Amino acid sequence: MWKSVVTAIAFLAMGGSAFAASAVNKDAQTRTLIVTEGGGKTELALAAGETVEFCPNGCFVTLPNGDLEALTGSETVEISGGVARIK
């Protein structure tokens, strides 16, 4: 019985970490997002045409226009024409 419970918990923990937010830069120049996660801030520079995954456990992201958005880890941030949209 306990083995089944431990196996189920381990499986759910592994499955939950497979999701992360992604950011897609469709612009011709590098764009930067500020990611706040666990109390720390990091700059996420996206080269032209680059797609990256980040924020697997939820975070806040400051978009190029200065707006602050909360992400749960399943969204896509799409940057086009210097404007970021959450999908």
PDB file of N, CA and C in Angstrom:
ATOM      1  N   MET A   1       0.825  -1.199   0.000  1.00  0.00           N
ATOM      2  CA  MET A   1       0.000   0.000   0.000  1.00  0.00           C
ATOM      3  C   MET A   1       0.863   1.253   0.000  1.00  0.00           C
ATOM      4  N   TRP A   2       1.850   1.308   0.918  1.00  0.00           N
ATOM      5  CA  TRP A   2       2.695   2.492   1.008  1.00  0.00           C
ATOM      6  C   TRP A   2       3.510   2.689  -0.259  1.00  0.00           C
ATOM      7  N   LYS A   3       3.931   1.587  -0.878  1.00  0.00           N
ATOM      8  CA  LYS A   3       4.698   1.701  -2.122  1.00  0.00           C
ATOM      9  C   LYS A   3       3.853   2.364  -3.206  1.00  0.00           C
ATOM     10  N   SER A   4       2.581   2.020  -3.258  1.00  0.00           N
ATOM     11  CA  SER A   4       1.685   2.622  -4.248  1.00  0.00           C
ATOM     12  C   SER A   4       1.521   4.112  -4.005  1.00  0.00           C
ATOM     13  N   VAL A   5       1.381   4.506  -2.747  1.00  0.00           N
ATOM     14  CA  VAL A   5       1.225   5.920  -2.401  1.00  0.00           C
ATOM     15  C   VAL A   5       2.497   6.688  -2.750  1.00  0.00           C
ATOM     16  N   VAL A   6       3.651   6.146  -2.383  1.00  0.00           N
ATOM     17  CA  VAL A   6       4.926   6.807  -2.671  1.00  0.00           C
ATOM     18  C   VAL A   6       5.138   6.912  -4.174  1.00  0.00           C
ATOM     19  N   THR A   7       4.831   5.864  -4.910  1.00  0.00           N
ATOM     20  CA  THR A   7       4.968   5.884  -6.365  1.00  0.00           C
ATOM     21  C   THR A   7       4.051   6.934  -6.980  1.00  0.00           C
ATOM     22  N   ALA A   8       2.824   7.022  -6.518  1.00  0.00           N
ATOM     23  CA  ALA A   8       1.877   8.010  -7.043  1.00  0.00           C
ATOM     24  C   ALA A   8       2.348   9.428  -6.765  1.00  0.00           C
ATOM     25  N   ILE A   9       2.850   9.677  -5.566  1.00  0.00           N
ATOM     26  CA  ILE A   9       3.349  11.015  -5.222  1.00  0.00           C
ATOM     27  C   ILE A   9       4.555  11.370  -6.077  1.00  0.00           C
ATOM     28  N   ALA A  10       5.467  10.436  -6.252  1.00  0.00           N
ATOM     29  CA  ALA A  10       6.651  10.691  -7.082  1.00  0.00           C
ATOM     30  C   ALA A  10       6.250  10.973  -8.521  1.00  0.00           C
ATOM     31  N   PHE A  11       5.295  10.225  -9.037  1.00  0.00           N
ATOM     32  CA  PHE A  11       4.833  10.434 -10.401  1.00  0.00           C
ATOM     33  C   PHE A  11       4.205  11.814 -10.566  1.00  0.00           C
ATOM     34  N   LEU A  12       3.373  12.214  -9.627  1.00  0.00           N
ATOM     35  CA  LEU A  12       2.739  13.533  -9.689  1.00  0.00           C
ATOM     36  C   LEU A  12       3.762  14.649  -9.567  1.00  0.00           C
ATOM     37  N   ALA A  13       4.760  14.478  -8.728  1.00  0.00           N
ATOM     38  CA  ALA A  13       5.798  15.499  -8.573  1.00  0.00           C
ATOM     39  C   ALA A  13       6.588  15.661  -9.858  1.00  0.00           C
ATOM     40  N   MET A  14       6.909  14.564 -10.514  1.00  0.00           N
ATOM     41  CA  MET A  14       7.647  14.644 -11.775  1.00  0.00           C
ATOM     42  C   MET A  14       6.787  15.267 -12.856  1.00  0.00           C
ATOM     43  N   GLY A  15       5.525  14.910 -12.913  1.00  0.00           N
ATOM     44  CA  GLY A  15       4.630  15.446 -13.926  1.00  0.00           C
ATOM     45  C   GLY A  15       4.388  16.925 -13.749  1.00  0.00           C
ATOM     46  N   GLY A  16       4.330  17.414 -12.519  1.00  0.00           N
ATOM     47  CA  GLY A  16       4.080  18.824 -12.266  1.00  0.00           C
ATOM     48  C   GLY A  16       5.225  19.707 -12.682  1.00  0.00           C
ATOM     49  N   SER A  17       6.447  19.191 -12.659  1.00  0.00           N
ATOM     50  CA  SER A  17       7.596  20.013 -13.010  1.00  0.00           C
ATOM     51  C   SER A  17       7.842  20.061 -14.510  1.00  0.00           C
ATOM     52  N   ALA A  18       7.051  19.340 -15.296  1.00  0.00           N
ATOM     53  CA  ALA A  18       7.253  19.314 -16.735  1.00  0.00           C
ATOM     54  C   ALA A  18       6.692  20.558 -17.414  1.00  0.00           C
ATOM     55  N   PHE A  19       5.874  21.322 -16.723  1.00  0.00           N
ATOM     56  CA  PHE A  19       5.266  22.500 -17.311  1.00  0.00           C
ATOM     57  C   PHE A  19       6.069  23.738 -16.962  1.00  0.00           C
ATOM     58  N   ALA A  20       6.220  24.617 -17.927  1.00  0.00           N
ATOM     59  CA  ALA A  20       6.900  25.884 -17.705  1.00  0.00           C
ATOM     60  C   ALA A  20       6.316  26.892 -18.678  1.00  0.00           C
ATOM     61  N   ALA A  21       6.379  28.144 -18.298  1.00  0.00           N
ATOM     62  CA  ALA A  21       5.968  29.197 -19.223  1.00  0.00           C
ATOM     63  C   ALA A  21       7.006  29.265 -20.336  1.00  0.00           C
ATOM     64  N   SER A  22       6.608  29.779 -21.467  1.00  0.00           N
ATOM     65  CA  SER A  22       7.559  29.966 -22.559  1.00  0.00           C
ATOM     66  C   SER A  22       7.450  31.395 -23.068  1.00  0.00           C
ATOM     67  N   ALA A  23       8.538  31.857 -23.646  1.00  0.00           N
ATOM     68  CA  ALA A  23       8.574  33.192 -24.242  1.00  0.00           C
ATOM     69  C   ALA A  23       9.084  33.056 -25.667  1.00  0.00           C
ATOM     70  N   VAL A  24       8.392  33.713 -26.593  1.00  0.00           N
ATOM     71  CA  VAL A  24       8.738  33.670 -28.006  1.00  0.00           C
ATOM     72  C   VAL A  24       8.972  35.099 -28.474  1.00  0.00           C
ATOM     73  N   ASN A  25      10.151  35.359 -29.038  1.00  0.00           N
ATOM     74  CA  ASN A  25      10.454  36.680 -29.571  1.00  0.00           C
ATOM     75  C   ASN A  25      10.338  36.635 -31.090  1.00  0.00           C
ATOM     76  N   LYS A  26       9.271  37.219 -31.620  1.00  0.00           N
ATOM     77  CA  LYS A  26       9.050  37.245 -33.063  1.00  0.00           C
ATOM     78  C   LYS A  26       9.634  38.497 -33.716  1.00  0.00           C
ATOM     79  N   ASP A  27      10.278  39.334 -32.917  1.00  0.00           N
ATOM     80  CA  ASP A  27      10.884  40.559 -33.436  1.00  0.00           C
ATOM     81  C   ASP A  27      12.251  40.280 -34.062  1.00  0.00           C
ATOM     82  N   ALA A  28      12.769  41.276 -34.779  1.00  0.00           N
ATOM     83  CA  ALA A  28      14.080  41.162 -35.417  1.00  0.00           C
ATOM     84  C   ALA A  28      15.214  41.562 -34.478  1.00  0.00           C
ATOM     85  N   GLN A  29      14.891  42.125 -33.323  1.00  0.00           N
ATOM     86  CA  GLN A  29      15.930  42.511 -32.359  1.00  0.00           C
ATOM     87  C   GLN A  29      15.691  41.828 -31.018  1.00  0.00           C
ATOM     88  N   THR A  30      16.728  41.835 -30.188  1.00  0.00           N
ATOM     89  CA  THR A  30      16.659  41.222 -28.865  1.00  0.00           C
ATOM     90  C   THR A  30      15.673  41.976 -27.984  1.00  0.00           C
ATOM     91  N   ARG A  31      14.875  41.233 -27.229  1.00  0.00           N
ATOM     92  CA  ARG A  31      13.941  41.806 -26.257  1.00  0.00           C
ATOM     93  C   ARG A  31      14.259  41.207 -24.891  1.00  0.00           C
ATOM     94  N   THR A  32      13.999  41.976 -23.828  1.00  0.00           N
ATOM     95  CA  THR A  32      14.328  41.536 -22.474  1.00  0.00           C
ATOM     96  C   THR A  32      13.086  41.515 -21.595  1.00  0.00           C
ATOM     97  N   LEU A  33      12.937  40.427 -20.852  1.00  0.00           N
ATOM     98  CA  LEU A  33      11.905  40.297 -19.831  1.00  0.00           C
ATOM     99  C   LEU A  33      12.611  40.243 -18.484  1.00  0.00           C
ATOM    100  N   ILE A  34      11.993  40.812 -17.457  1.00  0.00           N
ATOM    101  CA  ILE A  34      12.514  40.709 -16.093  1.00  0.00           C
ATOM    102  C   ILE A  34      11.655  39.677 -15.370  1.00  0.00           C
ATOM    103  N   VAL A  35      12.283  38.612 -14.904  1.00  0.00           N
ATOM    104  CA  VAL A  35      11.575  37.520 -14.244  1.00  0.00           C
ATOM    105  C   VAL A  35      11.860  37.572 -12.746  1.00  0.00           C
ATOM    106  N   THR A  36      10.799  37.624 -11.938  1.00  0.00           N
ATOM    107  CA  THR A  36      10.920  37.606 -10.478  1.00  0.00           C
ATOM    108  C   THR A  36      10.367  36.277  -9.993  1.00  0.00           C
ATOM    109  N   GLU A  37      11.261  35.488  -9.402  1.00  0.00           N
ATOM    110  CA  GLU A  37      10.892  34.143  -8.966  1.00  0.00           C
ATOM    111  C   GLU A  37      11.604  33.849  -7.658  1.00  0.00           C
ATOM    112  N   GLY A  38      10.839  33.484  -6.647  1.00  0.00           N
ATOM    113  CA  GLY A  38      11.434  33.161  -5.359  1.00  0.00           C
ATOM    114  C   GLY A  38      12.162  34.327  -4.718  1.00  0.00           C
ATOM    115  N   GLY A  39      11.714  35.547  -4.965  1.00  0.00           N
ATOM    116  CA  GLY A  39      12.324  36.726  -4.364  1.00  0.00           C
ATOM    117  C   GLY A  39      13.502  37.288  -5.134  1.00  0.00           C
ATOM    118  N   GLY A  40      13.966  36.595  -6.166  1.00  0.00           N
ATOM    119  CA  GLY A  40      15.099  37.079  -6.953  1.00  0.00           C
ATOM    120  C   GLY A  40      14.675  37.510  -8.344  1.00  0.00           C
ATOM    121  N   LYS A  41      15.349  38.541  -8.866  1.00  0.00           N
ATOM    122  CA  LYS A  41      15.055  39.039 -10.210  1.00  0.00           C
ATOM    123  C   LYS A  41      16.186  38.660 -11.156  1.00  0.00           C
ATOM    124  N   THR A  42      15.810  38.229 -12.365  1.00  0.00           N
ATOM    125  CA  THR A  42      16.789  37.944 -13.406  1.00  0.00           C
ATOM    126  C   THR A  42      16.297  38.520 -14.721  1.00  0.00           C
ATOM    127  N   GLU A  43      17.247  38.925 -15.558  1.00  0.00           N
ATOM    128  CA  GLU A  43      16.909  39.408 -16.889  1.00  0.00           C
ATOM    129  C   GLU A  43      16.948  38.234 -17.852  1.00  0.00           C
ATOM    130  N   LEU A  44      15.903  38.108 -18.640  1.00  0.00           N
ATOM    131  CA  LEU A  44      15.812  37.059 -19.641  1.00  0.00           C
ATOM    132  C   LEU A  44      15.871  37.731 -21.008  1.00  0.00           C
ATOM    133  N   ALA A  45      17.047  37.694 -21.637  1.00  0.00           N
ATOM    134  CA  ALA A  45      17.235  38.311 -22.950  1.00  0.00           C
ATOM    135  C   ALA A  45      16.888  37.291 -24.026  1.00  0.00           C
ATOM    136  N   LEU A  46      15.979  37.673 -24.907  1.00  0.00           N
ATOM    137  CA  LEU A  46      15.542  36.798 -25.992  1.00  0.00           C
ATOM    138  C   LEU A  46      16.056  37.350 -27.313  1.00  0.00           C
ATOM    139  N   ALA A  47      16.907  36.598 -27.974  1.00  0.00           N
ATOM    140  CA  ALA A  47      17.410  37.005 -29.282  1.00  0.00           C
ATOM    141  C   ALA A  47      16.272  36.943 -30.302  1.00  0.00           C
ATOM    142  N   ALA A  48      16.478  37.573 -31.441  1.00  0.00           N
ATOM    143  CA  ALA A  48      15.474  37.565 -32.502  1.00  0.00           C
ATOM    144  C   ALA A  48      15.114  36.130 -32.873  1.00  0.00           C
ATOM    145  N   GLY A  49      13.825  35.819 -32.866  1.00  0.00           N
ATOM    146  CA  GLY A  49      13.349  34.496 -33.235  1.00  0.00           C
ATOM    147  C   GLY A  49      13.514  33.417 -32.179  1.00  0.00           C
ATOM    148  N   GLU A  50      14.038  33.758 -31.020  1.00  0.00           N
ATOM    149  CA  GLU A  50      14.311  32.762 -29.981  1.00  0.00           C
ATOM    150  C   GLU A  50      13.061  32.414 -29.170  1.00  0.00           C
ATOM    151  N   THR A  51      12.981  31.161 -28.741  1.00  0.00           N
ATOM    152  CA  THR A  51      11.947  30.678 -27.833  1.00  0.00           C
ATOM    153  C   THR A  51      12.637  30.028 -26.645  1.00  0.00           C
ATOM    154  N   VAL A  52      12.229  30.386 -25.436  1.00  0.00           N
ATOM    155  CA  VAL A  52      12.811  29.794 -24.228  1.00  0.00           C
ATOM    156  C   VAL A  52      11.699  29.395 -23.268  1.00  0.00           C
ATOM    157  N   GLU A  53      11.998  28.413 -22.432  1.00  0.00           N
ATOM    158  CA  GLU A  53      11.098  28.030 -21.349  1.00  0.00           C
ATOM    159  C   GLU A  53      11.674  28.552 -20.045  1.00  0.00           C
ATOM    160  N   PHE A  54      10.798  29.031 -19.165  1.00  0.00           N
ATOM    161  CA  PHE A  54      11.217  29.577 -17.883  1.00  0.00           C
ATOM    162  C   PHE A  54      10.042  29.467 -16.925  1.00  0.00           C
ATOM    163  N   CYS A  55      10.263  29.795 -15.673  1.00  0.00           N
ATOM    164  CA  CYS A  55       9.173  29.921 -14.709  1.00  0.00           C
ATOM    165  C   CYS A  55       8.373  28.629 -14.520  1.00  0.00           C
ATOM    166  N   PRO A  56       9.019  27.513 -14.144  1.00  0.00           N
ATOM    167  CA  PRO A  56       8.278  26.264 -14.001  1.00  0.00           C
ATOM    168  C   PRO A  56       7.323  26.219 -12.806  1.00  0.00           C
ATOM    169  N   ASN A  57       7.537  27.085 -11.819  1.00  0.00           N
ATOM    170  CA  ASN A  57       6.715  27.039 -10.605  1.00  0.00           C
ATOM    171  C   ASN A  57       5.917  28.306 -10.367  1.00  0.00           C
ATOM    172  N   GLY A  58       5.701  29.093 -11.400  1.00  0.00           N
ATOM    173  CA  GLY A  58       5.015  30.362 -11.244  1.00  0.00           C
ATOM    174  C   GLY A  58       5.999  31.471 -10.935  1.00  0.00           C
ATOM    175  N   CYS A  59       5.712  32.660 -11.434  1.00  0.00           N
ATOM    176  CA  CYS A  59       6.603  33.797 -11.227  1.00  0.00           C
ATOM    177  C   CYS A  59       5.875  35.072 -11.654  1.00  0.00           C
ATOM    178  N   PHE A  60       6.566  36.185 -11.498  1.00  0.00           N
ATOM    179  CA  PHE A  60       6.115  37.458 -12.042  1.00  0.00           C
ATOM    180  C   PHE A  60       7.069  37.823 -13.161  1.00  0.00           C
ATOM    181  N   VAL A  61       6.546  38.432 -14.207  1.00  0.00           N
ATOM    182  CA  VAL A  61       7.390  38.852 -15.320  1.00  0.00           C
ATOM    183  C   VAL A  61       7.055  40.299 -15.661  1.00  0.00           C
ATOM    184  N   THR A  62       8.103  41.110 -15.814  1.00  0.00           N
ATOM    185  CA  THR A  62       7.937  42.488 -16.259  1.00  0.00           C
ATOM    186  C   THR A  62       8.144  42.499 -17.765  1.00  0.00           C
ATOM    187  N   LEU A  63       7.125  42.930 -18.484  1.00  0.00           N
ATOM    188  CA  LEU A  63       7.136  42.936 -19.942  1.00  0.00           C
ATOM    189  C   LEU A  63       7.910  44.143 -20.464  1.00  0.00           C
ATOM    190  N   PRO A  64       8.253  44.156 -21.759  1.00  0.00           N
ATOM    191  CA  PRO A  64       9.022  45.282 -22.316  1.00  0.00           C
ATOM    192  C   PRO A  64       8.393  46.658 -22.094  1.00  0.00           C
ATOM    193  N   ASN A  65       7.057  46.740 -21.967  1.00  0.00           N
ATOM    194  CA  ASN A  65       6.408  48.038 -21.747  1.00  0.00           C
ATOM    195  C   ASN A  65       6.335  48.420 -20.273  1.00  0.00           C
ATOM    196  N   GLY A  66       6.868  47.549 -19.376  1.00  0.00           N
ATOM    197  CA  GLY A  66       6.869  47.842 -17.948  1.00  0.00           C
ATOM    198  C   GLY A  66       5.742  47.204 -17.163  1.00  0.00           C
ATOM    199  N   ASP A  67       4.764  46.601 -17.845  1.00  0.00           N
ATOM    200  CA  ASP A  67       3.664  45.928 -17.149  1.00  0.00           C
ATOM    201  C   ASP A  67       4.179  44.702 -16.405  1.00  0.00           C
ATOM    202  N   LEU A  68       3.635  44.462 -15.214  1.00  0.00           N
ATOM    203  CA  LEU A  68       3.982  43.304 -14.406  1.00  0.00           C
ATOM    204  C   LEU A  68       2.840  42.300 -14.482  1.00  0.00           C
ATOM    205  N   GLU A  69       3.156  41.058 -14.856  1.00  0.00           N
ATOM    206  CA  GLU A  69       2.148  40.006 -14.984  1.00  0.00           C
ATOM    207  C   GLU A  69       2.542  38.810 -14.128  1.00  0.00           C
ATOM    208  N   ALA A  70       1.555  38.156 -13.540  1.00  0.00           N
ATOM    209  CA  ALA A  70       1.780  36.923 -12.783  1.00  0.00           C
ATOM    210  C   ALA A  70       1.570  35.741 -13.721  1.00  0.00           C
ATOM    211  N   LEU A  71       2.509  34.802 -13.712  1.00  0.00           N
ATOM    212  CA  LEU A  71       2.409  33.601 -14.536  1.00  0.00           C
ATOM    213  C   LEU A  71       2.333  32.376 -13.635  1.00  0.00           C
ATOM    214  N   THR A  72       1.553  31.404 -14.059  1.00  0.00           N
ATOM    215  CA  THR A  72       1.441  30.158 -13.297  1.00  0.00           C
ATOM    216  C   THR A  72       2.416  29.099 -13.790  1.00  0.00           C
ATOM    217  N   GLY A  73       2.950  29.278 -14.991  1.00  0.00           N
ATOM    218  CA  GLY A  73       3.887  28.316 -15.555  1.00  0.00           C
ATOM    219  C   GLY A  73       3.359  27.607 -16.780  1.00  0.00           C
ATOM    220  N   SER A  74       2.156  27.938 -17.227  1.00  0.00           N
ATOM    221  CA  SER A  74       1.590  27.279 -18.402  1.00  0.00           C
ATOM    222  C   SER A  74       1.370  28.244 -19.571  1.00  0.00           C
ATOM    223  N   GLU A  75       1.717  29.507 -19.389  1.00  0.00           N
ATOM    224  CA  GLU A  75       1.436  30.522 -20.403  1.00  0.00           C
ATOM    225  C   GLU A  75       2.574  30.626 -21.425  1.00  0.00           C
ATOM    226  N   THR A  76       2.249  31.309 -22.527  1.00  0.00           N
ATOM    227  CA  THR A  76       3.248  31.686 -23.521  1.00  0.00           C
ATOM    228  C   THR A  76       3.244  33.197 -23.630  1.00  0.00           C
ATOM    229  N   VAL A  77       4.423  33.800 -23.483  1.00  0.00           N
ATOM    230  CA  VAL A  77       4.589  35.235 -23.679  1.00  0.00           C
ATOM    231  C   VAL A  77       5.099  35.405 -25.102  1.00  0.00           C
ATOM    232  N   GLU A  78       4.305  36.054 -25.942  1.00  0.00           N
ATOM    233  CA  GLU A  78       4.674  36.256 -27.339  1.00  0.00           C
ATOM    234  C   GLU A  78       4.999  37.727 -27.554  1.00  0.00           C
ATOM    235  N   ILE A  79       6.211  38.002 -28.034  1.00  0.00           N
ATOM    236  CA  ILE A  79       6.640  39.375 -28.276  1.00  0.00           C
ATOM    237  C   ILE A  79       6.675  39.606 -29.778  1.00  0.00           C
ATOM    238  N   SER A  80       5.946  40.616 -30.228  1.00  0.00           N
ATOM    239  CA  SER A  80       5.890  40.966 -31.639  1.00  0.00           C
ATOM    240  C   SER A  80       5.676  42.470 -31.751  1.00  0.00           C
ATOM    241  N   GLY A  81       6.494  43.131 -32.548  1.00  0.00           N
ATOM    242  CA  GLY A  81       6.383  44.578 -32.698  1.00  0.00           C
ATOM    243  C   GLY A  81       6.698  45.318 -31.411  1.00  0.00           C
ATOM    244  N   GLY A  82       7.514  44.720 -30.553  1.00  0.00           N
ATOM    245  CA  GLY A  82       7.879  45.337 -29.284  1.00  0.00           C
ATOM    246  C   GLY A  82       6.819  45.213 -28.207  1.00  0.00           C
ATOM    247  N   VAL A  83       5.710  44.534 -28.528  1.00  0.00           N
ATOM    248  CA  VAL A  83       4.603  44.376 -27.588  1.00  0.00           C
ATOM    249  C   VAL A  83       4.506  42.910 -27.173  1.00  0.00           C
ATOM    250  N   ALA A  84       4.370  42.672 -25.874  1.00  0.00           N
ATOM    251  CA  ALA A  84       4.237  41.307 -25.357  1.00  0.00           C
ATOM    252  C   ALA A  84       2.775  41.006 -25.079  1.00  0.00           C
ATOM    253  N   ARG A  85       2.365  39.805 -25.453  1.00  0.00           N
ATOM    254  CA  ARG A  85       1.007  39.332 -25.184  1.00  0.00           C
ATOM    255  C   ARG A  85       1.101  37.989 -24.474  1.00  0.00           C
ATOM    256  N   ILE A  86       0.229  37.782 -23.491  1.00  0.00           N
ATOM    257  CA  ILE A  86       0.179  36.521 -22.757  1.00  0.00           C
ATOM    258  C   ILE A  86      -0.882  35.642 -23.406  1.00  0.00           C
ATOM    259  N   LYS A  87      -0.502  34.439 -23.771  1.00  0.00           N
ATOM    260  CA  LYS A  87      -1.454  33.498 -24.399  1.00  0.00           C
ATOM    261  C   LYS A  87      -1.531  32.235 -23.587  1.00  0.00           C
TER     262      LYS A  87
END
